[in-house]
Amino acid sequence: MSPTKAMNLRFPDPEQRAAIEAAARQEGVSLQEYILSAAYARATAVEERFLDAFHGSMARSGDAFTEEAGAANPGAEQRTAELEARRELEEQQKRGHAA
């Protein structure tokens, strides 16, 4: 097994490196661990935002399907009105043939 290698951390801005090193010391962790933890936290936050948006999208889709189901399953009043209209149409057709 090969020995583990340390991360090669290069910072073009020495002030940025100093600030990150100070933050790592304050947290009581190594510079590498601090950077990896920050990267993990950021990735997790992105994932959470994505999942929140996905769940919102699912809820909107569910609402749309519920509305469509209502249109496919008419209420009692609508069914009664449709049956009445059908009876009237059939009566008119019968009268038209009789004339």
PDB file of N, CA and C in Angstrom:
ATOM      1  N   MET A   1       0.838  -1.176   0.000  1.00  0.00           N
ATOM      2  CA  MET A   1       0.000   0.000   0.000  1.00  0.00           C
ATOM      3  C   MET A   1       0.881   1.236   0.000  1.00  0.00           C
ATOM      4  N   SER A   2       0.512   2.210  -0.817  1.00  0.00           N
ATOM      5  CA  SER A   2       1.319   3.421  -0.878  1.00  0.00           C
ATOM      6  C   SER A   2       0.967   4.338   0.290  1.00  0.00           C
ATOM      7  N   PRO A   3       1.942   5.091   0.755  1.00  0.00           N
ATOM      8  CA  PRO A   3       1.658   6.015   1.863  1.00  0.00           C
ATOM      9  C   PRO A   3       0.709   7.117   1.402  1.00  0.00           C
ATOM     10  N   THR A   4      -0.117   7.595   2.304  1.00  0.00           N
ATOM     11  CA  THR A   4      -1.058   8.661   1.948  1.00  0.00           C
ATOM     12  C   THR A   4      -0.289   9.949   1.709  1.00  0.00           C
ATOM     13  N   LYS A   5      -0.763  10.696   0.752  1.00  0.00           N
ATOM     14  CA  LYS A   5      -0.128  11.963   0.424  1.00  0.00           C
ATOM     15  C   LYS A   5      -0.979  13.091   0.958  1.00  0.00           C
ATOM     16  N   ALA A   6      -0.329  14.131   1.355  1.00  0.00           N
ATOM     17  CA  ALA A   6      -1.045  15.314   1.826  1.00  0.00           C
ATOM     18  C   ALA A   6      -1.602  16.063   0.631  1.00  0.00           C
ATOM     19  N   MET A   7      -2.685  16.768   0.856  1.00  0.00           N
ATOM     20  CA  MET A   7      -3.251  17.601  -0.215  1.00  0.00           C
ATOM     21  C   MET A   7      -2.260  18.702  -0.545  1.00  0.00           C
ATOM     22  N   ASN A   8      -2.151  19.004  -1.808  1.00  0.00           N
ATOM     23  CA  ASN A   8      -1.298  20.091  -2.236  1.00  0.00           C
ATOM     24  C   ASN A   8      -2.164  21.350  -2.289  1.00  0.00           C
ATOM     25  N   LEU A   9      -2.004  22.192  -1.312  1.00  0.00           N
ATOM     26  CA  LEU A   9      -2.823  23.394  -1.209  1.00  0.00           C
ATOM     27  C   LEU A   9      -2.016  24.605  -1.636  1.00  0.00           C
ATOM     28  N   ARG A  10      -2.472  25.231  -2.699  1.00  0.00           N
ATOM     29  CA  ARG A  10      -1.811  26.431  -3.181  1.00  0.00           C
ATOM     30  C   ARG A  10      -2.802  27.572  -3.153  1.00  0.00           C
ATOM     31  N   PHE A  11      -2.387  28.666  -2.576  1.00  0.00           N
ATOM     32  CA  PHE A  11      -3.223  29.854  -2.507  1.00  0.00           C
ATOM     33  C   PHE A  11      -2.482  30.999  -3.177  1.00  0.00           C
ATOM     34  N   PRO A  12      -3.048  31.570  -4.239  1.00  0.00           N
ATOM     35  CA  PRO A  12      -2.379  32.672  -4.904  1.00  0.00           C
ATOM     36  C   PRO A  12      -2.307  33.919  -4.011  1.00  0.00           C
ATOM     37  N   ASP A  13      -3.240  34.022  -3.088  1.00  0.00           N
ATOM     38  CA  ASP A  13      -3.295  35.192  -2.210  1.00  0.00           C
ATOM     39  C   ASP A  13      -2.832  34.775  -0.810  1.00  0.00           C
ATOM     40  N   PRO A  14      -1.649  35.273  -0.359  1.00  0.00           N
ATOM     41  CA  PRO A  14      -1.140  34.876   0.955  1.00  0.00           C
ATOM     42  C   PRO A  14      -2.080  35.288   2.106  1.00  0.00           C
ATOM     43  N   GLU A  15      -2.800  36.383   1.934  1.00  0.00           N
ATOM     44  CA  GLU A  15      -3.753  36.805   2.967  1.00  0.00           C
ATOM     45  C   GLU A  15      -4.911  35.812   3.089  1.00  0.00           C
ATOM     46  N   GLN A  16      -5.326  35.270   1.941  1.00  0.00           N
ATOM     47  CA  GLN A  16      -6.404  34.272   1.951  1.00  0.00           C
ATOM     48  C   GLN A  16      -5.939  33.025   2.698  1.00  0.00           C
ATOM     49  N   ARG A  17      -4.729  32.578   2.415  1.00  0.00           N
ATOM     50  CA  ARG A  17      -4.198  31.393   3.096  1.00  0.00           C
ATOM     51  C   ARG A  17      -4.110  31.643   4.597  1.00  0.00           C
ATOM     52  N   ALA A  18      -3.635  32.817   4.977  1.00  0.00           N
ATOM     53  CA  ALA A  18      -3.505  33.138   6.402  1.00  0.00           C
ATOM     54  C   ALA A  18      -4.872  33.141   7.082  1.00  0.00           C
ATOM     55  N   ALA A  19      -5.873  33.676   6.399  1.00  0.00           N
ATOM     56  CA  ALA A  19      -7.219  33.719   6.982  1.00  0.00           C
ATOM     57  C   ALA A  19      -7.777  32.309   7.153  1.00  0.00           C
ATOM     58  N   ILE A  20      -7.557  31.458   6.170  1.00  0.00           N
ATOM     59  CA  ILE A  20      -8.055  30.085   6.259  1.00  0.00           C
ATOM     60  C   ILE A  20      -7.298  29.312   7.336  1.00  0.00           C
ATOM     61  N   GLU A  21      -5.997  29.505   7.415  1.00  0.00           N
ATOM     62  CA  GLU A  21      -5.212  28.838   8.463  1.00  0.00           C
ATOM     63  C   GLU A  21      -5.681  29.279   9.853  1.00  0.00           C
ATOM     64  N   ALA A  22      -5.955  30.560  10.000  1.00  0.00           N
ATOM     65  CA  ALA A  22      -6.436  31.076  11.294  1.00  0.00           C
ATOM     66  C   ALA A  22      -7.791  30.461  11.642  1.00  0.00           C
ATOM     67  N   ALA A  23      -8.669  30.344  10.661  1.00  0.00           N
ATOM     68  CA  ALA A  23      -9.980  29.747  10.899  1.00  0.00           C
ATOM     69  C   ALA A  23      -9.843  28.275  11.280  1.00  0.00           C
ATOM     70  N   ALA A  24      -8.918  27.570  10.628  1.00  0.00           N
ATOM     71  CA  ALA A  24      -8.684  26.153  10.945  1.00  0.00           C
ATOM     72  C   ALA A  24      -8.149  26.011  12.364  1.00  0.00           C
ATOM     73  N   ARG A  25      -7.201  26.886  12.738  1.00  0.00           N
ATOM     74  CA  ARG A  25      -6.664  26.844  14.110  1.00  0.00           C
ATOM     75  C   ARG A  25      -7.763  27.104  15.132  1.00  0.00           C
ATOM     76  N   GLN A  26      -8.612  28.067  14.814  1.00  0.00           N
ATOM     77  CA  GLN A  26      -9.706  28.411  15.728  1.00  0.00           C
ATOM     78  C   GLN A  26     -10.654  27.214  15.910  1.00  0.00           C
ATOM     79  N   GLU A  27     -10.858  26.448  14.843  1.00  0.00           N
ATOM     80  CA  GLU A  27     -11.709  25.257  14.913  1.00  0.00           C
ATOM     81  C   GLU A  27     -10.963  24.069  15.523  1.00  0.00           C
ATOM     82  N   GLY A  28      -9.656  24.174  15.612  1.00  0.00           N
ATOM     83  CA  GLY A  28      -8.850  23.094  16.189  1.00  0.00           C
ATOM     84  C   GLY A  28      -8.651  21.919  15.253  1.00  0.00           C
ATOM     85  N   VAL A  29      -8.620  22.195  13.951  1.00  0.00           N
ATOM     86  CA  VAL A  29      -8.425  21.139  12.959  1.00  0.00           C
ATOM     87  C   VAL A  29      -7.307  21.544  12.008  1.00  0.00           C
ATOM     88  N   SER A  30      -6.857  20.566  11.227  1.00  0.00           N
ATOM     89  CA  SER A  30      -5.820  20.869  10.244  1.00  0.00           C
ATOM     90  C   SER A  30      -6.404  21.684   9.098  1.00  0.00           C
ATOM     91  N   LEU A  31      -5.520  22.317   8.344  1.00  0.00           N
ATOM     92  CA  LEU A  31      -5.935  23.112   7.198  1.00  0.00           C
ATOM     93  C   LEU A  31      -6.696  22.242   6.194  1.00  0.00           C
ATOM     94  N   GLN A  32      -6.175  21.042   5.955  1.00  0.00           N
ATOM     95  CA  GLN A  32      -6.831  20.133   5.018  1.00  0.00           C
ATOM     96  C   GLN A  32      -8.228  19.744   5.495  1.00  0.00           C
ATOM     97  N   GLU A  33      -8.329  19.402   6.766  1.00  0.00           N
ATOM     98  CA  GLU A  33      -9.623  19.001   7.310  1.00  0.00           C
ATOM     99  C   GLU A  33     -10.619  20.166   7.250  1.00  0.00           C
ATOM    100  N   TYR A  34     -10.136  21.367   7.535  1.00  0.00           N
ATOM    101  CA  TYR A  34     -10.998  22.545   7.499  1.00  0.00           C
ATOM    102  C   TYR A  34     -11.536  22.767   6.079  1.00  0.00           C
ATOM    103  N   ILE A  35     -10.671  22.672   5.091  1.00  0.00           N
ATOM    104  CA  ILE A  35     -11.072  22.890   3.697  1.00  0.00           C
ATOM    105  C   ILE A  35     -12.030  21.796   3.235  1.00  0.00           C
ATOM    106  N   LEU A  36     -11.717  20.539   3.593  1.00  0.00           N
ATOM    107  CA  LEU A  36     -12.607  19.452   3.196  1.00  0.00           C
ATOM    108  C   LEU A  36     -13.983  19.581   3.864  1.00  0.00           C
ATOM    109  N   SER A  37     -13.995  19.982   5.125  1.00  0.00           N
ATOM    110  CA  SER A  37     -15.269  20.169   5.826  1.00  0.00           C
ATOM    111  C   SER A  37     -16.079  21.283   5.186  1.00  0.00           C
ATOM    112  N   ALA A  38     -15.405  22.363   4.814  1.00  0.00           N
ATOM    113  CA  ALA A  38     -16.100  23.479   4.170  1.00  0.00           C
ATOM    114  C   ALA A  38     -16.655  23.043   2.816  1.00  0.00           C
ATOM    115  N   ALA A  39     -15.881  22.271   2.059  1.00  0.00           N
ATOM    116  CA  ALA A  39     -16.341  21.789   0.752  1.00  0.00           C
ATOM    117  C   ALA A  39     -17.537  20.855   0.925  1.00  0.00           C
ATOM    118  N   TYR A  40     -17.483  19.994   1.927  1.00  0.00           N
ATOM    119  CA  TYR A  40     -18.598  19.081   2.197  1.00  0.00           C
ATOM    120  C   TYR A  40     -19.847  19.868   2.598  1.00  0.00           C
ATOM    121  N   ALA A  41     -19.679  20.861   3.453  1.00  0.00           N
ATOM    122  CA  ALA A  41     -20.821  21.675   3.892  1.00  0.00           C
ATOM    123  C   ALA A  41     -21.451  22.400   2.700  1.00  0.00           C
ATOM    124  N   ARG A  42     -20.620  22.893   1.819  1.00  0.00           N
ATOM    125  CA  ARG A  42     -21.147  23.602   0.642  1.00  0.00           C
ATOM    126  C   ARG A  42     -21.891  22.642  -0.277  1.00  0.00           C
ATOM    127  N   ALA A  43     -21.313  21.469  -0.508  1.00  0.00           N
ATOM    128  CA  ALA A  43     -21.973  20.474  -1.364  1.00  0.00           C
ATOM    129  C   ALA A  43     -23.294  20.029  -0.752  1.00  0.00           C
ATOM    130  N   THR A  44     -23.317  19.860   0.553  1.00  0.00           N
ATOM    131  CA  THR A  44     -24.543  19.459   1.236  1.00  0.00           C
ATOM    132  C   THR A  44     -25.600  20.549   1.120  1.00  0.00           C
ATOM    133  N   ALA A  45     -25.205  21.792   1.231  1.00  0.00           N
ATOM    134  CA  ALA A  45     -26.150  22.909   1.097  1.00  0.00           C
ATOM    135  C   ALA A  45     -26.738  22.951  -0.311  1.00  0.00           C
ATOM    136  N   VAL A  46     -25.896  22.712  -1.313  1.00  0.00           N
ATOM    137  CA  VAL A  46     -26.375  22.684  -2.697  1.00  0.00           C
ATOM    138  C   VAL A  46     -27.372  21.542  -2.862  1.00  0.00           C
ATOM    139  N   GLU A  47     -27.042  20.389  -2.307  1.00  0.00           N
ATOM    140  CA  GLU A  47     -27.943  19.234  -2.390  1.00  0.00           C
ATOM    141  C   GLU A  47     -29.281  19.545  -1.717  1.00  0.00           C
ATOM    142  N   GLU A  48     -29.250  20.190  -0.566  1.00  0.00           N
ATOM    143  CA  GLU A  48     -30.487  20.523   0.148  1.00  0.00           C
ATOM    144  C   GLU A  48     -31.343  21.490  -0.659  1.00  0.00           C
ATOM    145  N   ARG A  49     -30.715  22.488  -1.286  1.00  0.00           N
ATOM    146  CA  ARG A  49     -31.475  23.423  -2.123  1.00  0.00           C
ATOM    147  C   ARG A  49     -32.109  22.694  -3.306  1.00  0.00           C
ATOM    148  N   PHE A  50     -31.348  21.768  -3.903  1.00  0.00           N
ATOM    149  CA  PHE A  50     -31.877  20.995  -5.015  1.00  0.00           C
ATOM    150  C   PHE A  50     -33.067  20.159  -4.558  1.00  0.00           C
ATOM    151  N   LEU A  51     -32.925  19.464  -3.426  1.00  0.00           N
ATOM    152  CA  LEU A  51     -34.014  18.625  -2.935  1.00  0.00           C
ATOM    153  C   LEU A  51     -35.240  19.451  -2.564  1.00  0.00           C
ATOM    154  N   ASP A  52     -35.041  20.625  -1.972  1.00  0.00           N
ATOM    155  CA  ASP A  52     -36.166  21.507  -1.647  1.00  0.00           C
ATOM    156  C   ASP A  52     -36.910  21.915  -2.922  1.00  0.00           C
ATOM    157  N   ALA A  53     -36.147  22.283  -3.946  1.00  0.00           N
ATOM    158  CA  ALA A  53     -36.759  22.669  -5.218  1.00  0.00           C
ATOM    159  C   ALA A  53     -37.477  21.482  -5.854  1.00  0.00           C
ATOM    160  N   PHE A  54     -36.874  20.305  -5.751  1.00  0.00           N
ATOM    161  CA  PHE A  54     -37.473  19.090  -6.310  1.00  0.00           C
ATOM    162  C   PHE A  54     -38.782  18.764  -5.603  1.00  0.00           C
ATOM    163  N   HIS A  55     -38.786  18.847  -4.277  1.00  0.00           N
ATOM    164  CA  HIS A  55     -40.009  18.564  -3.524  1.00  0.00           C
ATOM    165  C   HIS A  55     -41.094  19.595  -3.848  1.00  0.00           C
ATOM    166  N   GLY A  56     -40.711  20.846  -4.019  1.00  0.00           N
ATOM    167  CA  GLY A  56     -41.666  21.871  -4.423  1.00  0.00           C
ATOM    168  C   GLY A  56     -42.264  21.572  -5.786  1.00  0.00           C
ATOM    169  N   SER A  57     -41.417  21.125  -6.700  1.00  0.00           N
ATOM    170  CA  SER A  57     -41.877  20.770  -8.036  1.00  0.00           C
ATOM    171  C   SER A  57     -42.837  19.585  -7.974  1.00  0.00           C
ATOM    172  N   MET A  58     -42.513  18.604  -7.144  1.00  0.00           N
ATOM    173  CA  MET A  58     -43.393  17.442  -6.992  1.00  0.00           C
ATOM    174  C   MET A  58     -44.750  17.861  -6.433  1.00  0.00           C
ATOM    175  N   ALA A  59     -44.747  18.781  -5.485  1.00  0.00           N
ATOM    176  CA  ALA A  59     -46.005  19.242  -4.897  1.00  0.00           C
ATOM    177  C   ALA A  59     -46.857  19.955  -5.947  1.00  0.00           C
ATOM    178  N   ARG A  60     -46.208  20.807  -6.754  1.00  0.00           N
ATOM    179  CA  ARG A  60     -46.954  21.498  -7.811  1.00  0.00           C
ATOM    180  C   ARG A  60     -47.512  20.500  -8.822  1.00  0.00           C
ATOM    181  N   SER A  61     -46.720  19.494  -9.177  1.00  0.00           N
ATOM    182  CA  SER A  61     -47.189  18.473 -10.119  1.00  0.00           C
ATOM    183  C   SER A  61     -48.353  17.699  -9.515  1.00  0.00           C
ATOM    184  N   GLY A  62     -48.237  17.375  -8.233  1.00  0.00           N
ATOM    185  CA  GLY A  62     -49.323  16.663  -7.557  1.00  0.00           C
ATOM    186  C   GLY A  62     -50.600  17.466  -7.564  1.00  0.00           C
ATOM    187  N   ASP A  63     -50.479  18.779  -7.330  1.00  0.00           N
ATOM    188  CA  ASP A  63     -51.651  19.651  -7.367  1.00  0.00           C
ATOM    189  C   ASP A  63     -52.281  19.649  -8.760  1.00  0.00           C
ATOM    190  N   ALA A  64     -51.429  19.679  -9.784  1.00  0.00           N
ATOM    191  CA  ALA A  64     -51.938  19.687 -11.156  1.00  0.00           C
ATOM    192  C   ALA A  64     -52.669  18.388 -11.463  1.00  0.00           C
ATOM    193  N   PHE A  65     -52.111  17.246 -11.012  1.00  0.00           N
ATOM    194  CA  PHE A  65     -52.766  15.969 -11.254  1.00  0.00           C
ATOM    195  C   PHE A  65     -54.070  15.866 -10.472  1.00  0.00           C
ATOM    196  N   THR A  66     -54.111  16.442  -9.297  1.00  0.00           N
ATOM    197  CA  THR A  66     -55.343  16.439  -8.511  1.00  0.00           C
ATOM    198  C   THR A  66     -56.422  17.225  -9.236  1.00  0.00           C
ATOM    199  N   GLU A  67     -56.050  18.384  -9.791  1.00  0.00           N
ATOM    200  CA  GLU A  67     -57.015  19.183 -10.550  1.00  0.00           C
ATOM    201  C   GLU A  67     -57.499  18.417 -11.775  1.00  0.00           C
ATOM    202  N   GLU A  68     -56.591  17.731 -12.468  1.00  0.00           N
ATOM    203  CA  GLU A  68     -56.974  16.946 -13.639  1.00  0.00           C
ATOM    204  C   GLU A  68     -57.906  15.814 -13.244  1.00  0.00           C
ATOM    205  N   ALA A  69     -57.639  15.171 -12.110  1.00  0.00           N
ATOM    206  CA  ALA A  69     -58.494  14.081 -11.662  1.00  0.00           C
ATOM    207  C   ALA A  69     -59.897  14.593 -11.395  1.00  0.00           C
ATOM    208  N   GLY A  70     -59.999  15.810 -10.875  1.00  0.00           N
ATOM    209  CA  GLY A  70     -61.302  16.408 -10.640  1.00  0.00           C
ATOM    210  C   GLY A  70     -62.049  16.627 -11.944  1.00  0.00           C
ATOM    211  N   ALA A  71     -61.323  16.992 -12.979  1.00  0.00           N
ATOM    212  CA  ALA A  71     -61.959  17.211 -14.280  1.00  0.00           C
ATOM    213  C   ALA A  71     -62.401  15.884 -14.886  1.00  0.00           C
ATOM    214  N   ALA A  72     -61.643  14.817 -14.657  1.00  0.00           N
ATOM    215  CA  ALA A  72     -61.986  13.508 -15.188  1.00  0.00           C
ATOM    216  C   ALA A  72     -63.092  12.853 -14.374  1.00  0.00           C
ATOM    217  N   ASN A  73     -63.249  13.236 -13.141  1.00  0.00           N
ATOM    218  CA  ASN A  73     -64.264  12.694 -12.256  1.00  0.00           C
ATOM    219  C   ASN A  73     -65.249  13.802 -11.909  1.00  0.00           C
ATOM    220  N   PRO A  74     -66.221  14.040 -12.757  1.00  0.00           N
ATOM    221  CA  PRO A  74     -67.123  15.169 -12.503  1.00  0.00           C
ATOM    222  C   PRO A  74     -67.964  14.947 -11.247  1.00  0.00           C
ATOM    223  N   GLY A  75     -68.382  16.056 -10.669  1.00  0.00           N
ATOM    224  CA  GLY A  75     -69.213  15.986  -9.482  1.00  0.00           C
ATOM    225  C   GLY A  75     -70.639  15.576  -9.839  1.00  0.00           C
ATOM    226  N   ALA A  76     -71.450  15.345  -8.827  1.00  0.00           N
ATOM    227  CA  ALA A  76     -72.826  14.885  -9.027  1.00  0.00           C
ATOM    228  C   ALA A  76     -73.631  15.901  -9.829  1.00  0.00           C
ATOM    229  N   GLU A  77     -73.457  17.188  -9.542  1.00  0.00           N
ATOM    230  CA  GLU A  77     -74.204  18.218 -10.274  1.00  0.00           C
ATOM    231  C   GLU A  77     -73.862  18.199 -11.760  1.00  0.00           C
ATOM    232  N   GLN A  78     -72.581  18.072 -12.051  1.00  0.00           N
ATOM    233  CA  GLN A  78     -72.166  18.074 -13.453  1.00  0.00           C
ATOM    234  C   GLN A  78     -72.703  16.835 -14.161  1.00  0.00           C
ATOM    235  N   ARG A  79     -72.664  15.678 -13.499  1.00  0.00           N
ATOM    236  CA  ARG A  79     -73.196  14.453 -14.116  1.00  0.00           C
ATOM    237  C   ARG A  79     -74.692  14.585 -14.385  1.00  0.00           C
ATOM    238  N   THR A  80     -75.415  15.153 -13.422  1.00  0.00           N
ATOM    239  CA  THR A  80     -76.852  15.347 -13.596  1.00  0.00           C
ATOM    240  C   THR A  80     -77.124  16.270 -14.777  1.00  0.00           C
ATOM    241  N   ALA A  81     -76.376  17.359 -14.881  1.00  0.00           N
ATOM    242  CA  ALA A  81     -76.552  18.300 -15.996  1.00  0.00           C
ATOM    243  C   ALA A  81     -76.236  17.626 -17.325  1.00  0.00           C
ATOM    244  N   GLU A  82     -75.200  16.789 -17.359  1.00  0.00           N
ATOM    245  CA  GLU A  82     -74.849  16.092 -18.598  1.00  0.00           C
ATOM    246  C   GLU A  82     -75.938  15.103 -19.001  1.00  0.00           C
ATOM    247  N   LEU A  83     -76.475  14.366 -18.033  1.00  0.00           N
ATOM    248  CA  LEU A  83     -77.548  13.418 -18.332  1.00  0.00           C
ATOM    249  C   LEU A  83     -78.795  14.145 -18.837  1.00  0.00           C
ATOM    250  N   GLU A  84     -79.101  15.265 -18.214  1.00  0.00           N
ATOM    251  CA  GLU A  84     -80.253  16.077 -18.634  1.00  0.00           C
ATOM    252  C   GLU A  84     -80.065  16.563 -20.074  1.00  0.00           C
ATOM    253  N   ALA A  85     -78.875  17.057 -20.379  1.00  0.00           N
ATOM    254  CA  ALA A  85     -78.585  17.531 -21.729  1.00  0.00           C
ATOM    255  C   ALA A  85     -78.680  16.392 -22.735  1.00  0.00           C
ATOM    256  N   ARG A  86     -78.219  15.213 -22.353  1.00  0.00           N
ATOM    257  CA  ARG A  86     -78.284  14.061 -23.253  1.00  0.00           C
ATOM    258  C   ARG A  86     -79.743  13.661 -23.518  1.00  0.00           C
ATOM    259  N   ARG A  87     -80.562  13.663 -22.467  1.00  0.00           N
ATOM    260  CA  ARG A  87     -81.980  13.328 -22.642  1.00  0.00           C
ATOM    261  C   ARG A  87     -82.667  14.327 -23.573  1.00  0.00           C
ATOM    262  N   GLU A  88     -82.381  15.605 -23.361  1.00  0.00           N
ATOM    263  CA  GLU A  88     -82.969  16.639 -24.216  1.00  0.00           C
ATOM    264  C   GLU A  88     -82.544  16.456 -25.664  1.00  0.00           C
ATOM    265  N   LEU A  89     -81.279  16.148 -25.876  1.00  0.00           N
ATOM    266  CA  LEU A  89     -80.776  15.942 -27.234  1.00  0.00           C
ATOM    267  C   LEU A  89     -81.459  14.741 -27.878  1.00  0.00           C
ATOM    268  N   GLU A  90     -81.610  13.649 -27.127  1.00  0.00           N
ATOM    269  CA  GLU A  90     -82.262  12.460 -27.674  1.00  0.00           C
ATOM    270  C   GLU A  90     -83.717  12.739 -28.010  1.00  0.00           C
ATOM    271  N   GLU A  91     -84.402  13.515 -27.155  1.00  0.00           N
ATOM    272  CA  GLU A  91     -85.797  13.865 -27.424  1.00  0.00           C
ATOM    273  C   GLU A  91     -85.903  14.708 -28.690  1.00  0.00           C
ATOM    274  N   GLN A  92     -84.978  15.664 -28.858  1.00  0.00           N
ATOM    275  CA  GLN A  92     -84.991  16.509 -30.052  1.00  0.00           C
ATOM    276  C   GLN A  92     -84.746  15.667 -31.298  1.00  0.00           C
ATOM    277  N   GLN A  93     -83.855  14.700 -31.177  1.00  0.00           N
ATOM    278  CA  GLN A  93     -83.562  13.848 -32.331  1.00  0.00           C
ATOM    279  C   GLN A  93     -84.780  12.988 -32.684  1.00  0.00           C
ATOM    280  N   LYS A  94     -85.487  12.488 -31.659  1.00  0.00           N
ATOM    281  CA  LYS A  94     -86.675  11.688 -31.911  1.00  0.00           C
ATOM    282  C   LYS A  94     -87.746  12.537 -32.605  1.00  0.00           C
ATOM    283  N   ARG A  95     -87.922  13.757 -32.118  1.00  0.00           N
ATOM    284  CA  ARG A  95     -88.907  14.656 -32.719  1.00  0.00           C
ATOM    285  C   ARG A  95     -88.506  15.000 -34.158  1.00  0.00           C
ATOM    286  N   GLY A  96     -87.232  15.140 -34.401  1.00  0.00           N
ATOM    287  CA  GLY A  96     -86.768  15.475 -35.755  1.00  0.00           C
ATOM    288  C   GLY A  96     -87.053  14.333 -36.720  1.00  0.00           C
ATOM    289  N   HIS A  97     -86.916  13.085 -36.271  1.00  0.00           N
ATOM    290  CA  HIS A  97     -87.184  11.948 -37.128  1.00  0.00           C
ATOM    291  C   HIS A  97     -88.673  11.765 -37.357  1.00  0.00           C
ATOM    292  N   ALA A  98     -89.452  12.132 -36.368  1.00  0.00           N
ATOM    293  CA  ALA A  98     -90.909  11.978 -36.489  1.00  0.00           C
ATOM    294  C   ALA A  98     -91.496  12.997 -37.447  1.00  0.00           C
ATOM    295  N   ALA A  99     -90.854  14.112 -37.621  1.00  0.00           N
ATOM    296  CA  ALA A  99     -91.413  15.177 -38.477  1.00  0.00           C
ATOM    297  C   ALA A  99     -91.206  14.909 -39.906  1.00  0.00           C
TER     298      ALA A  99
END
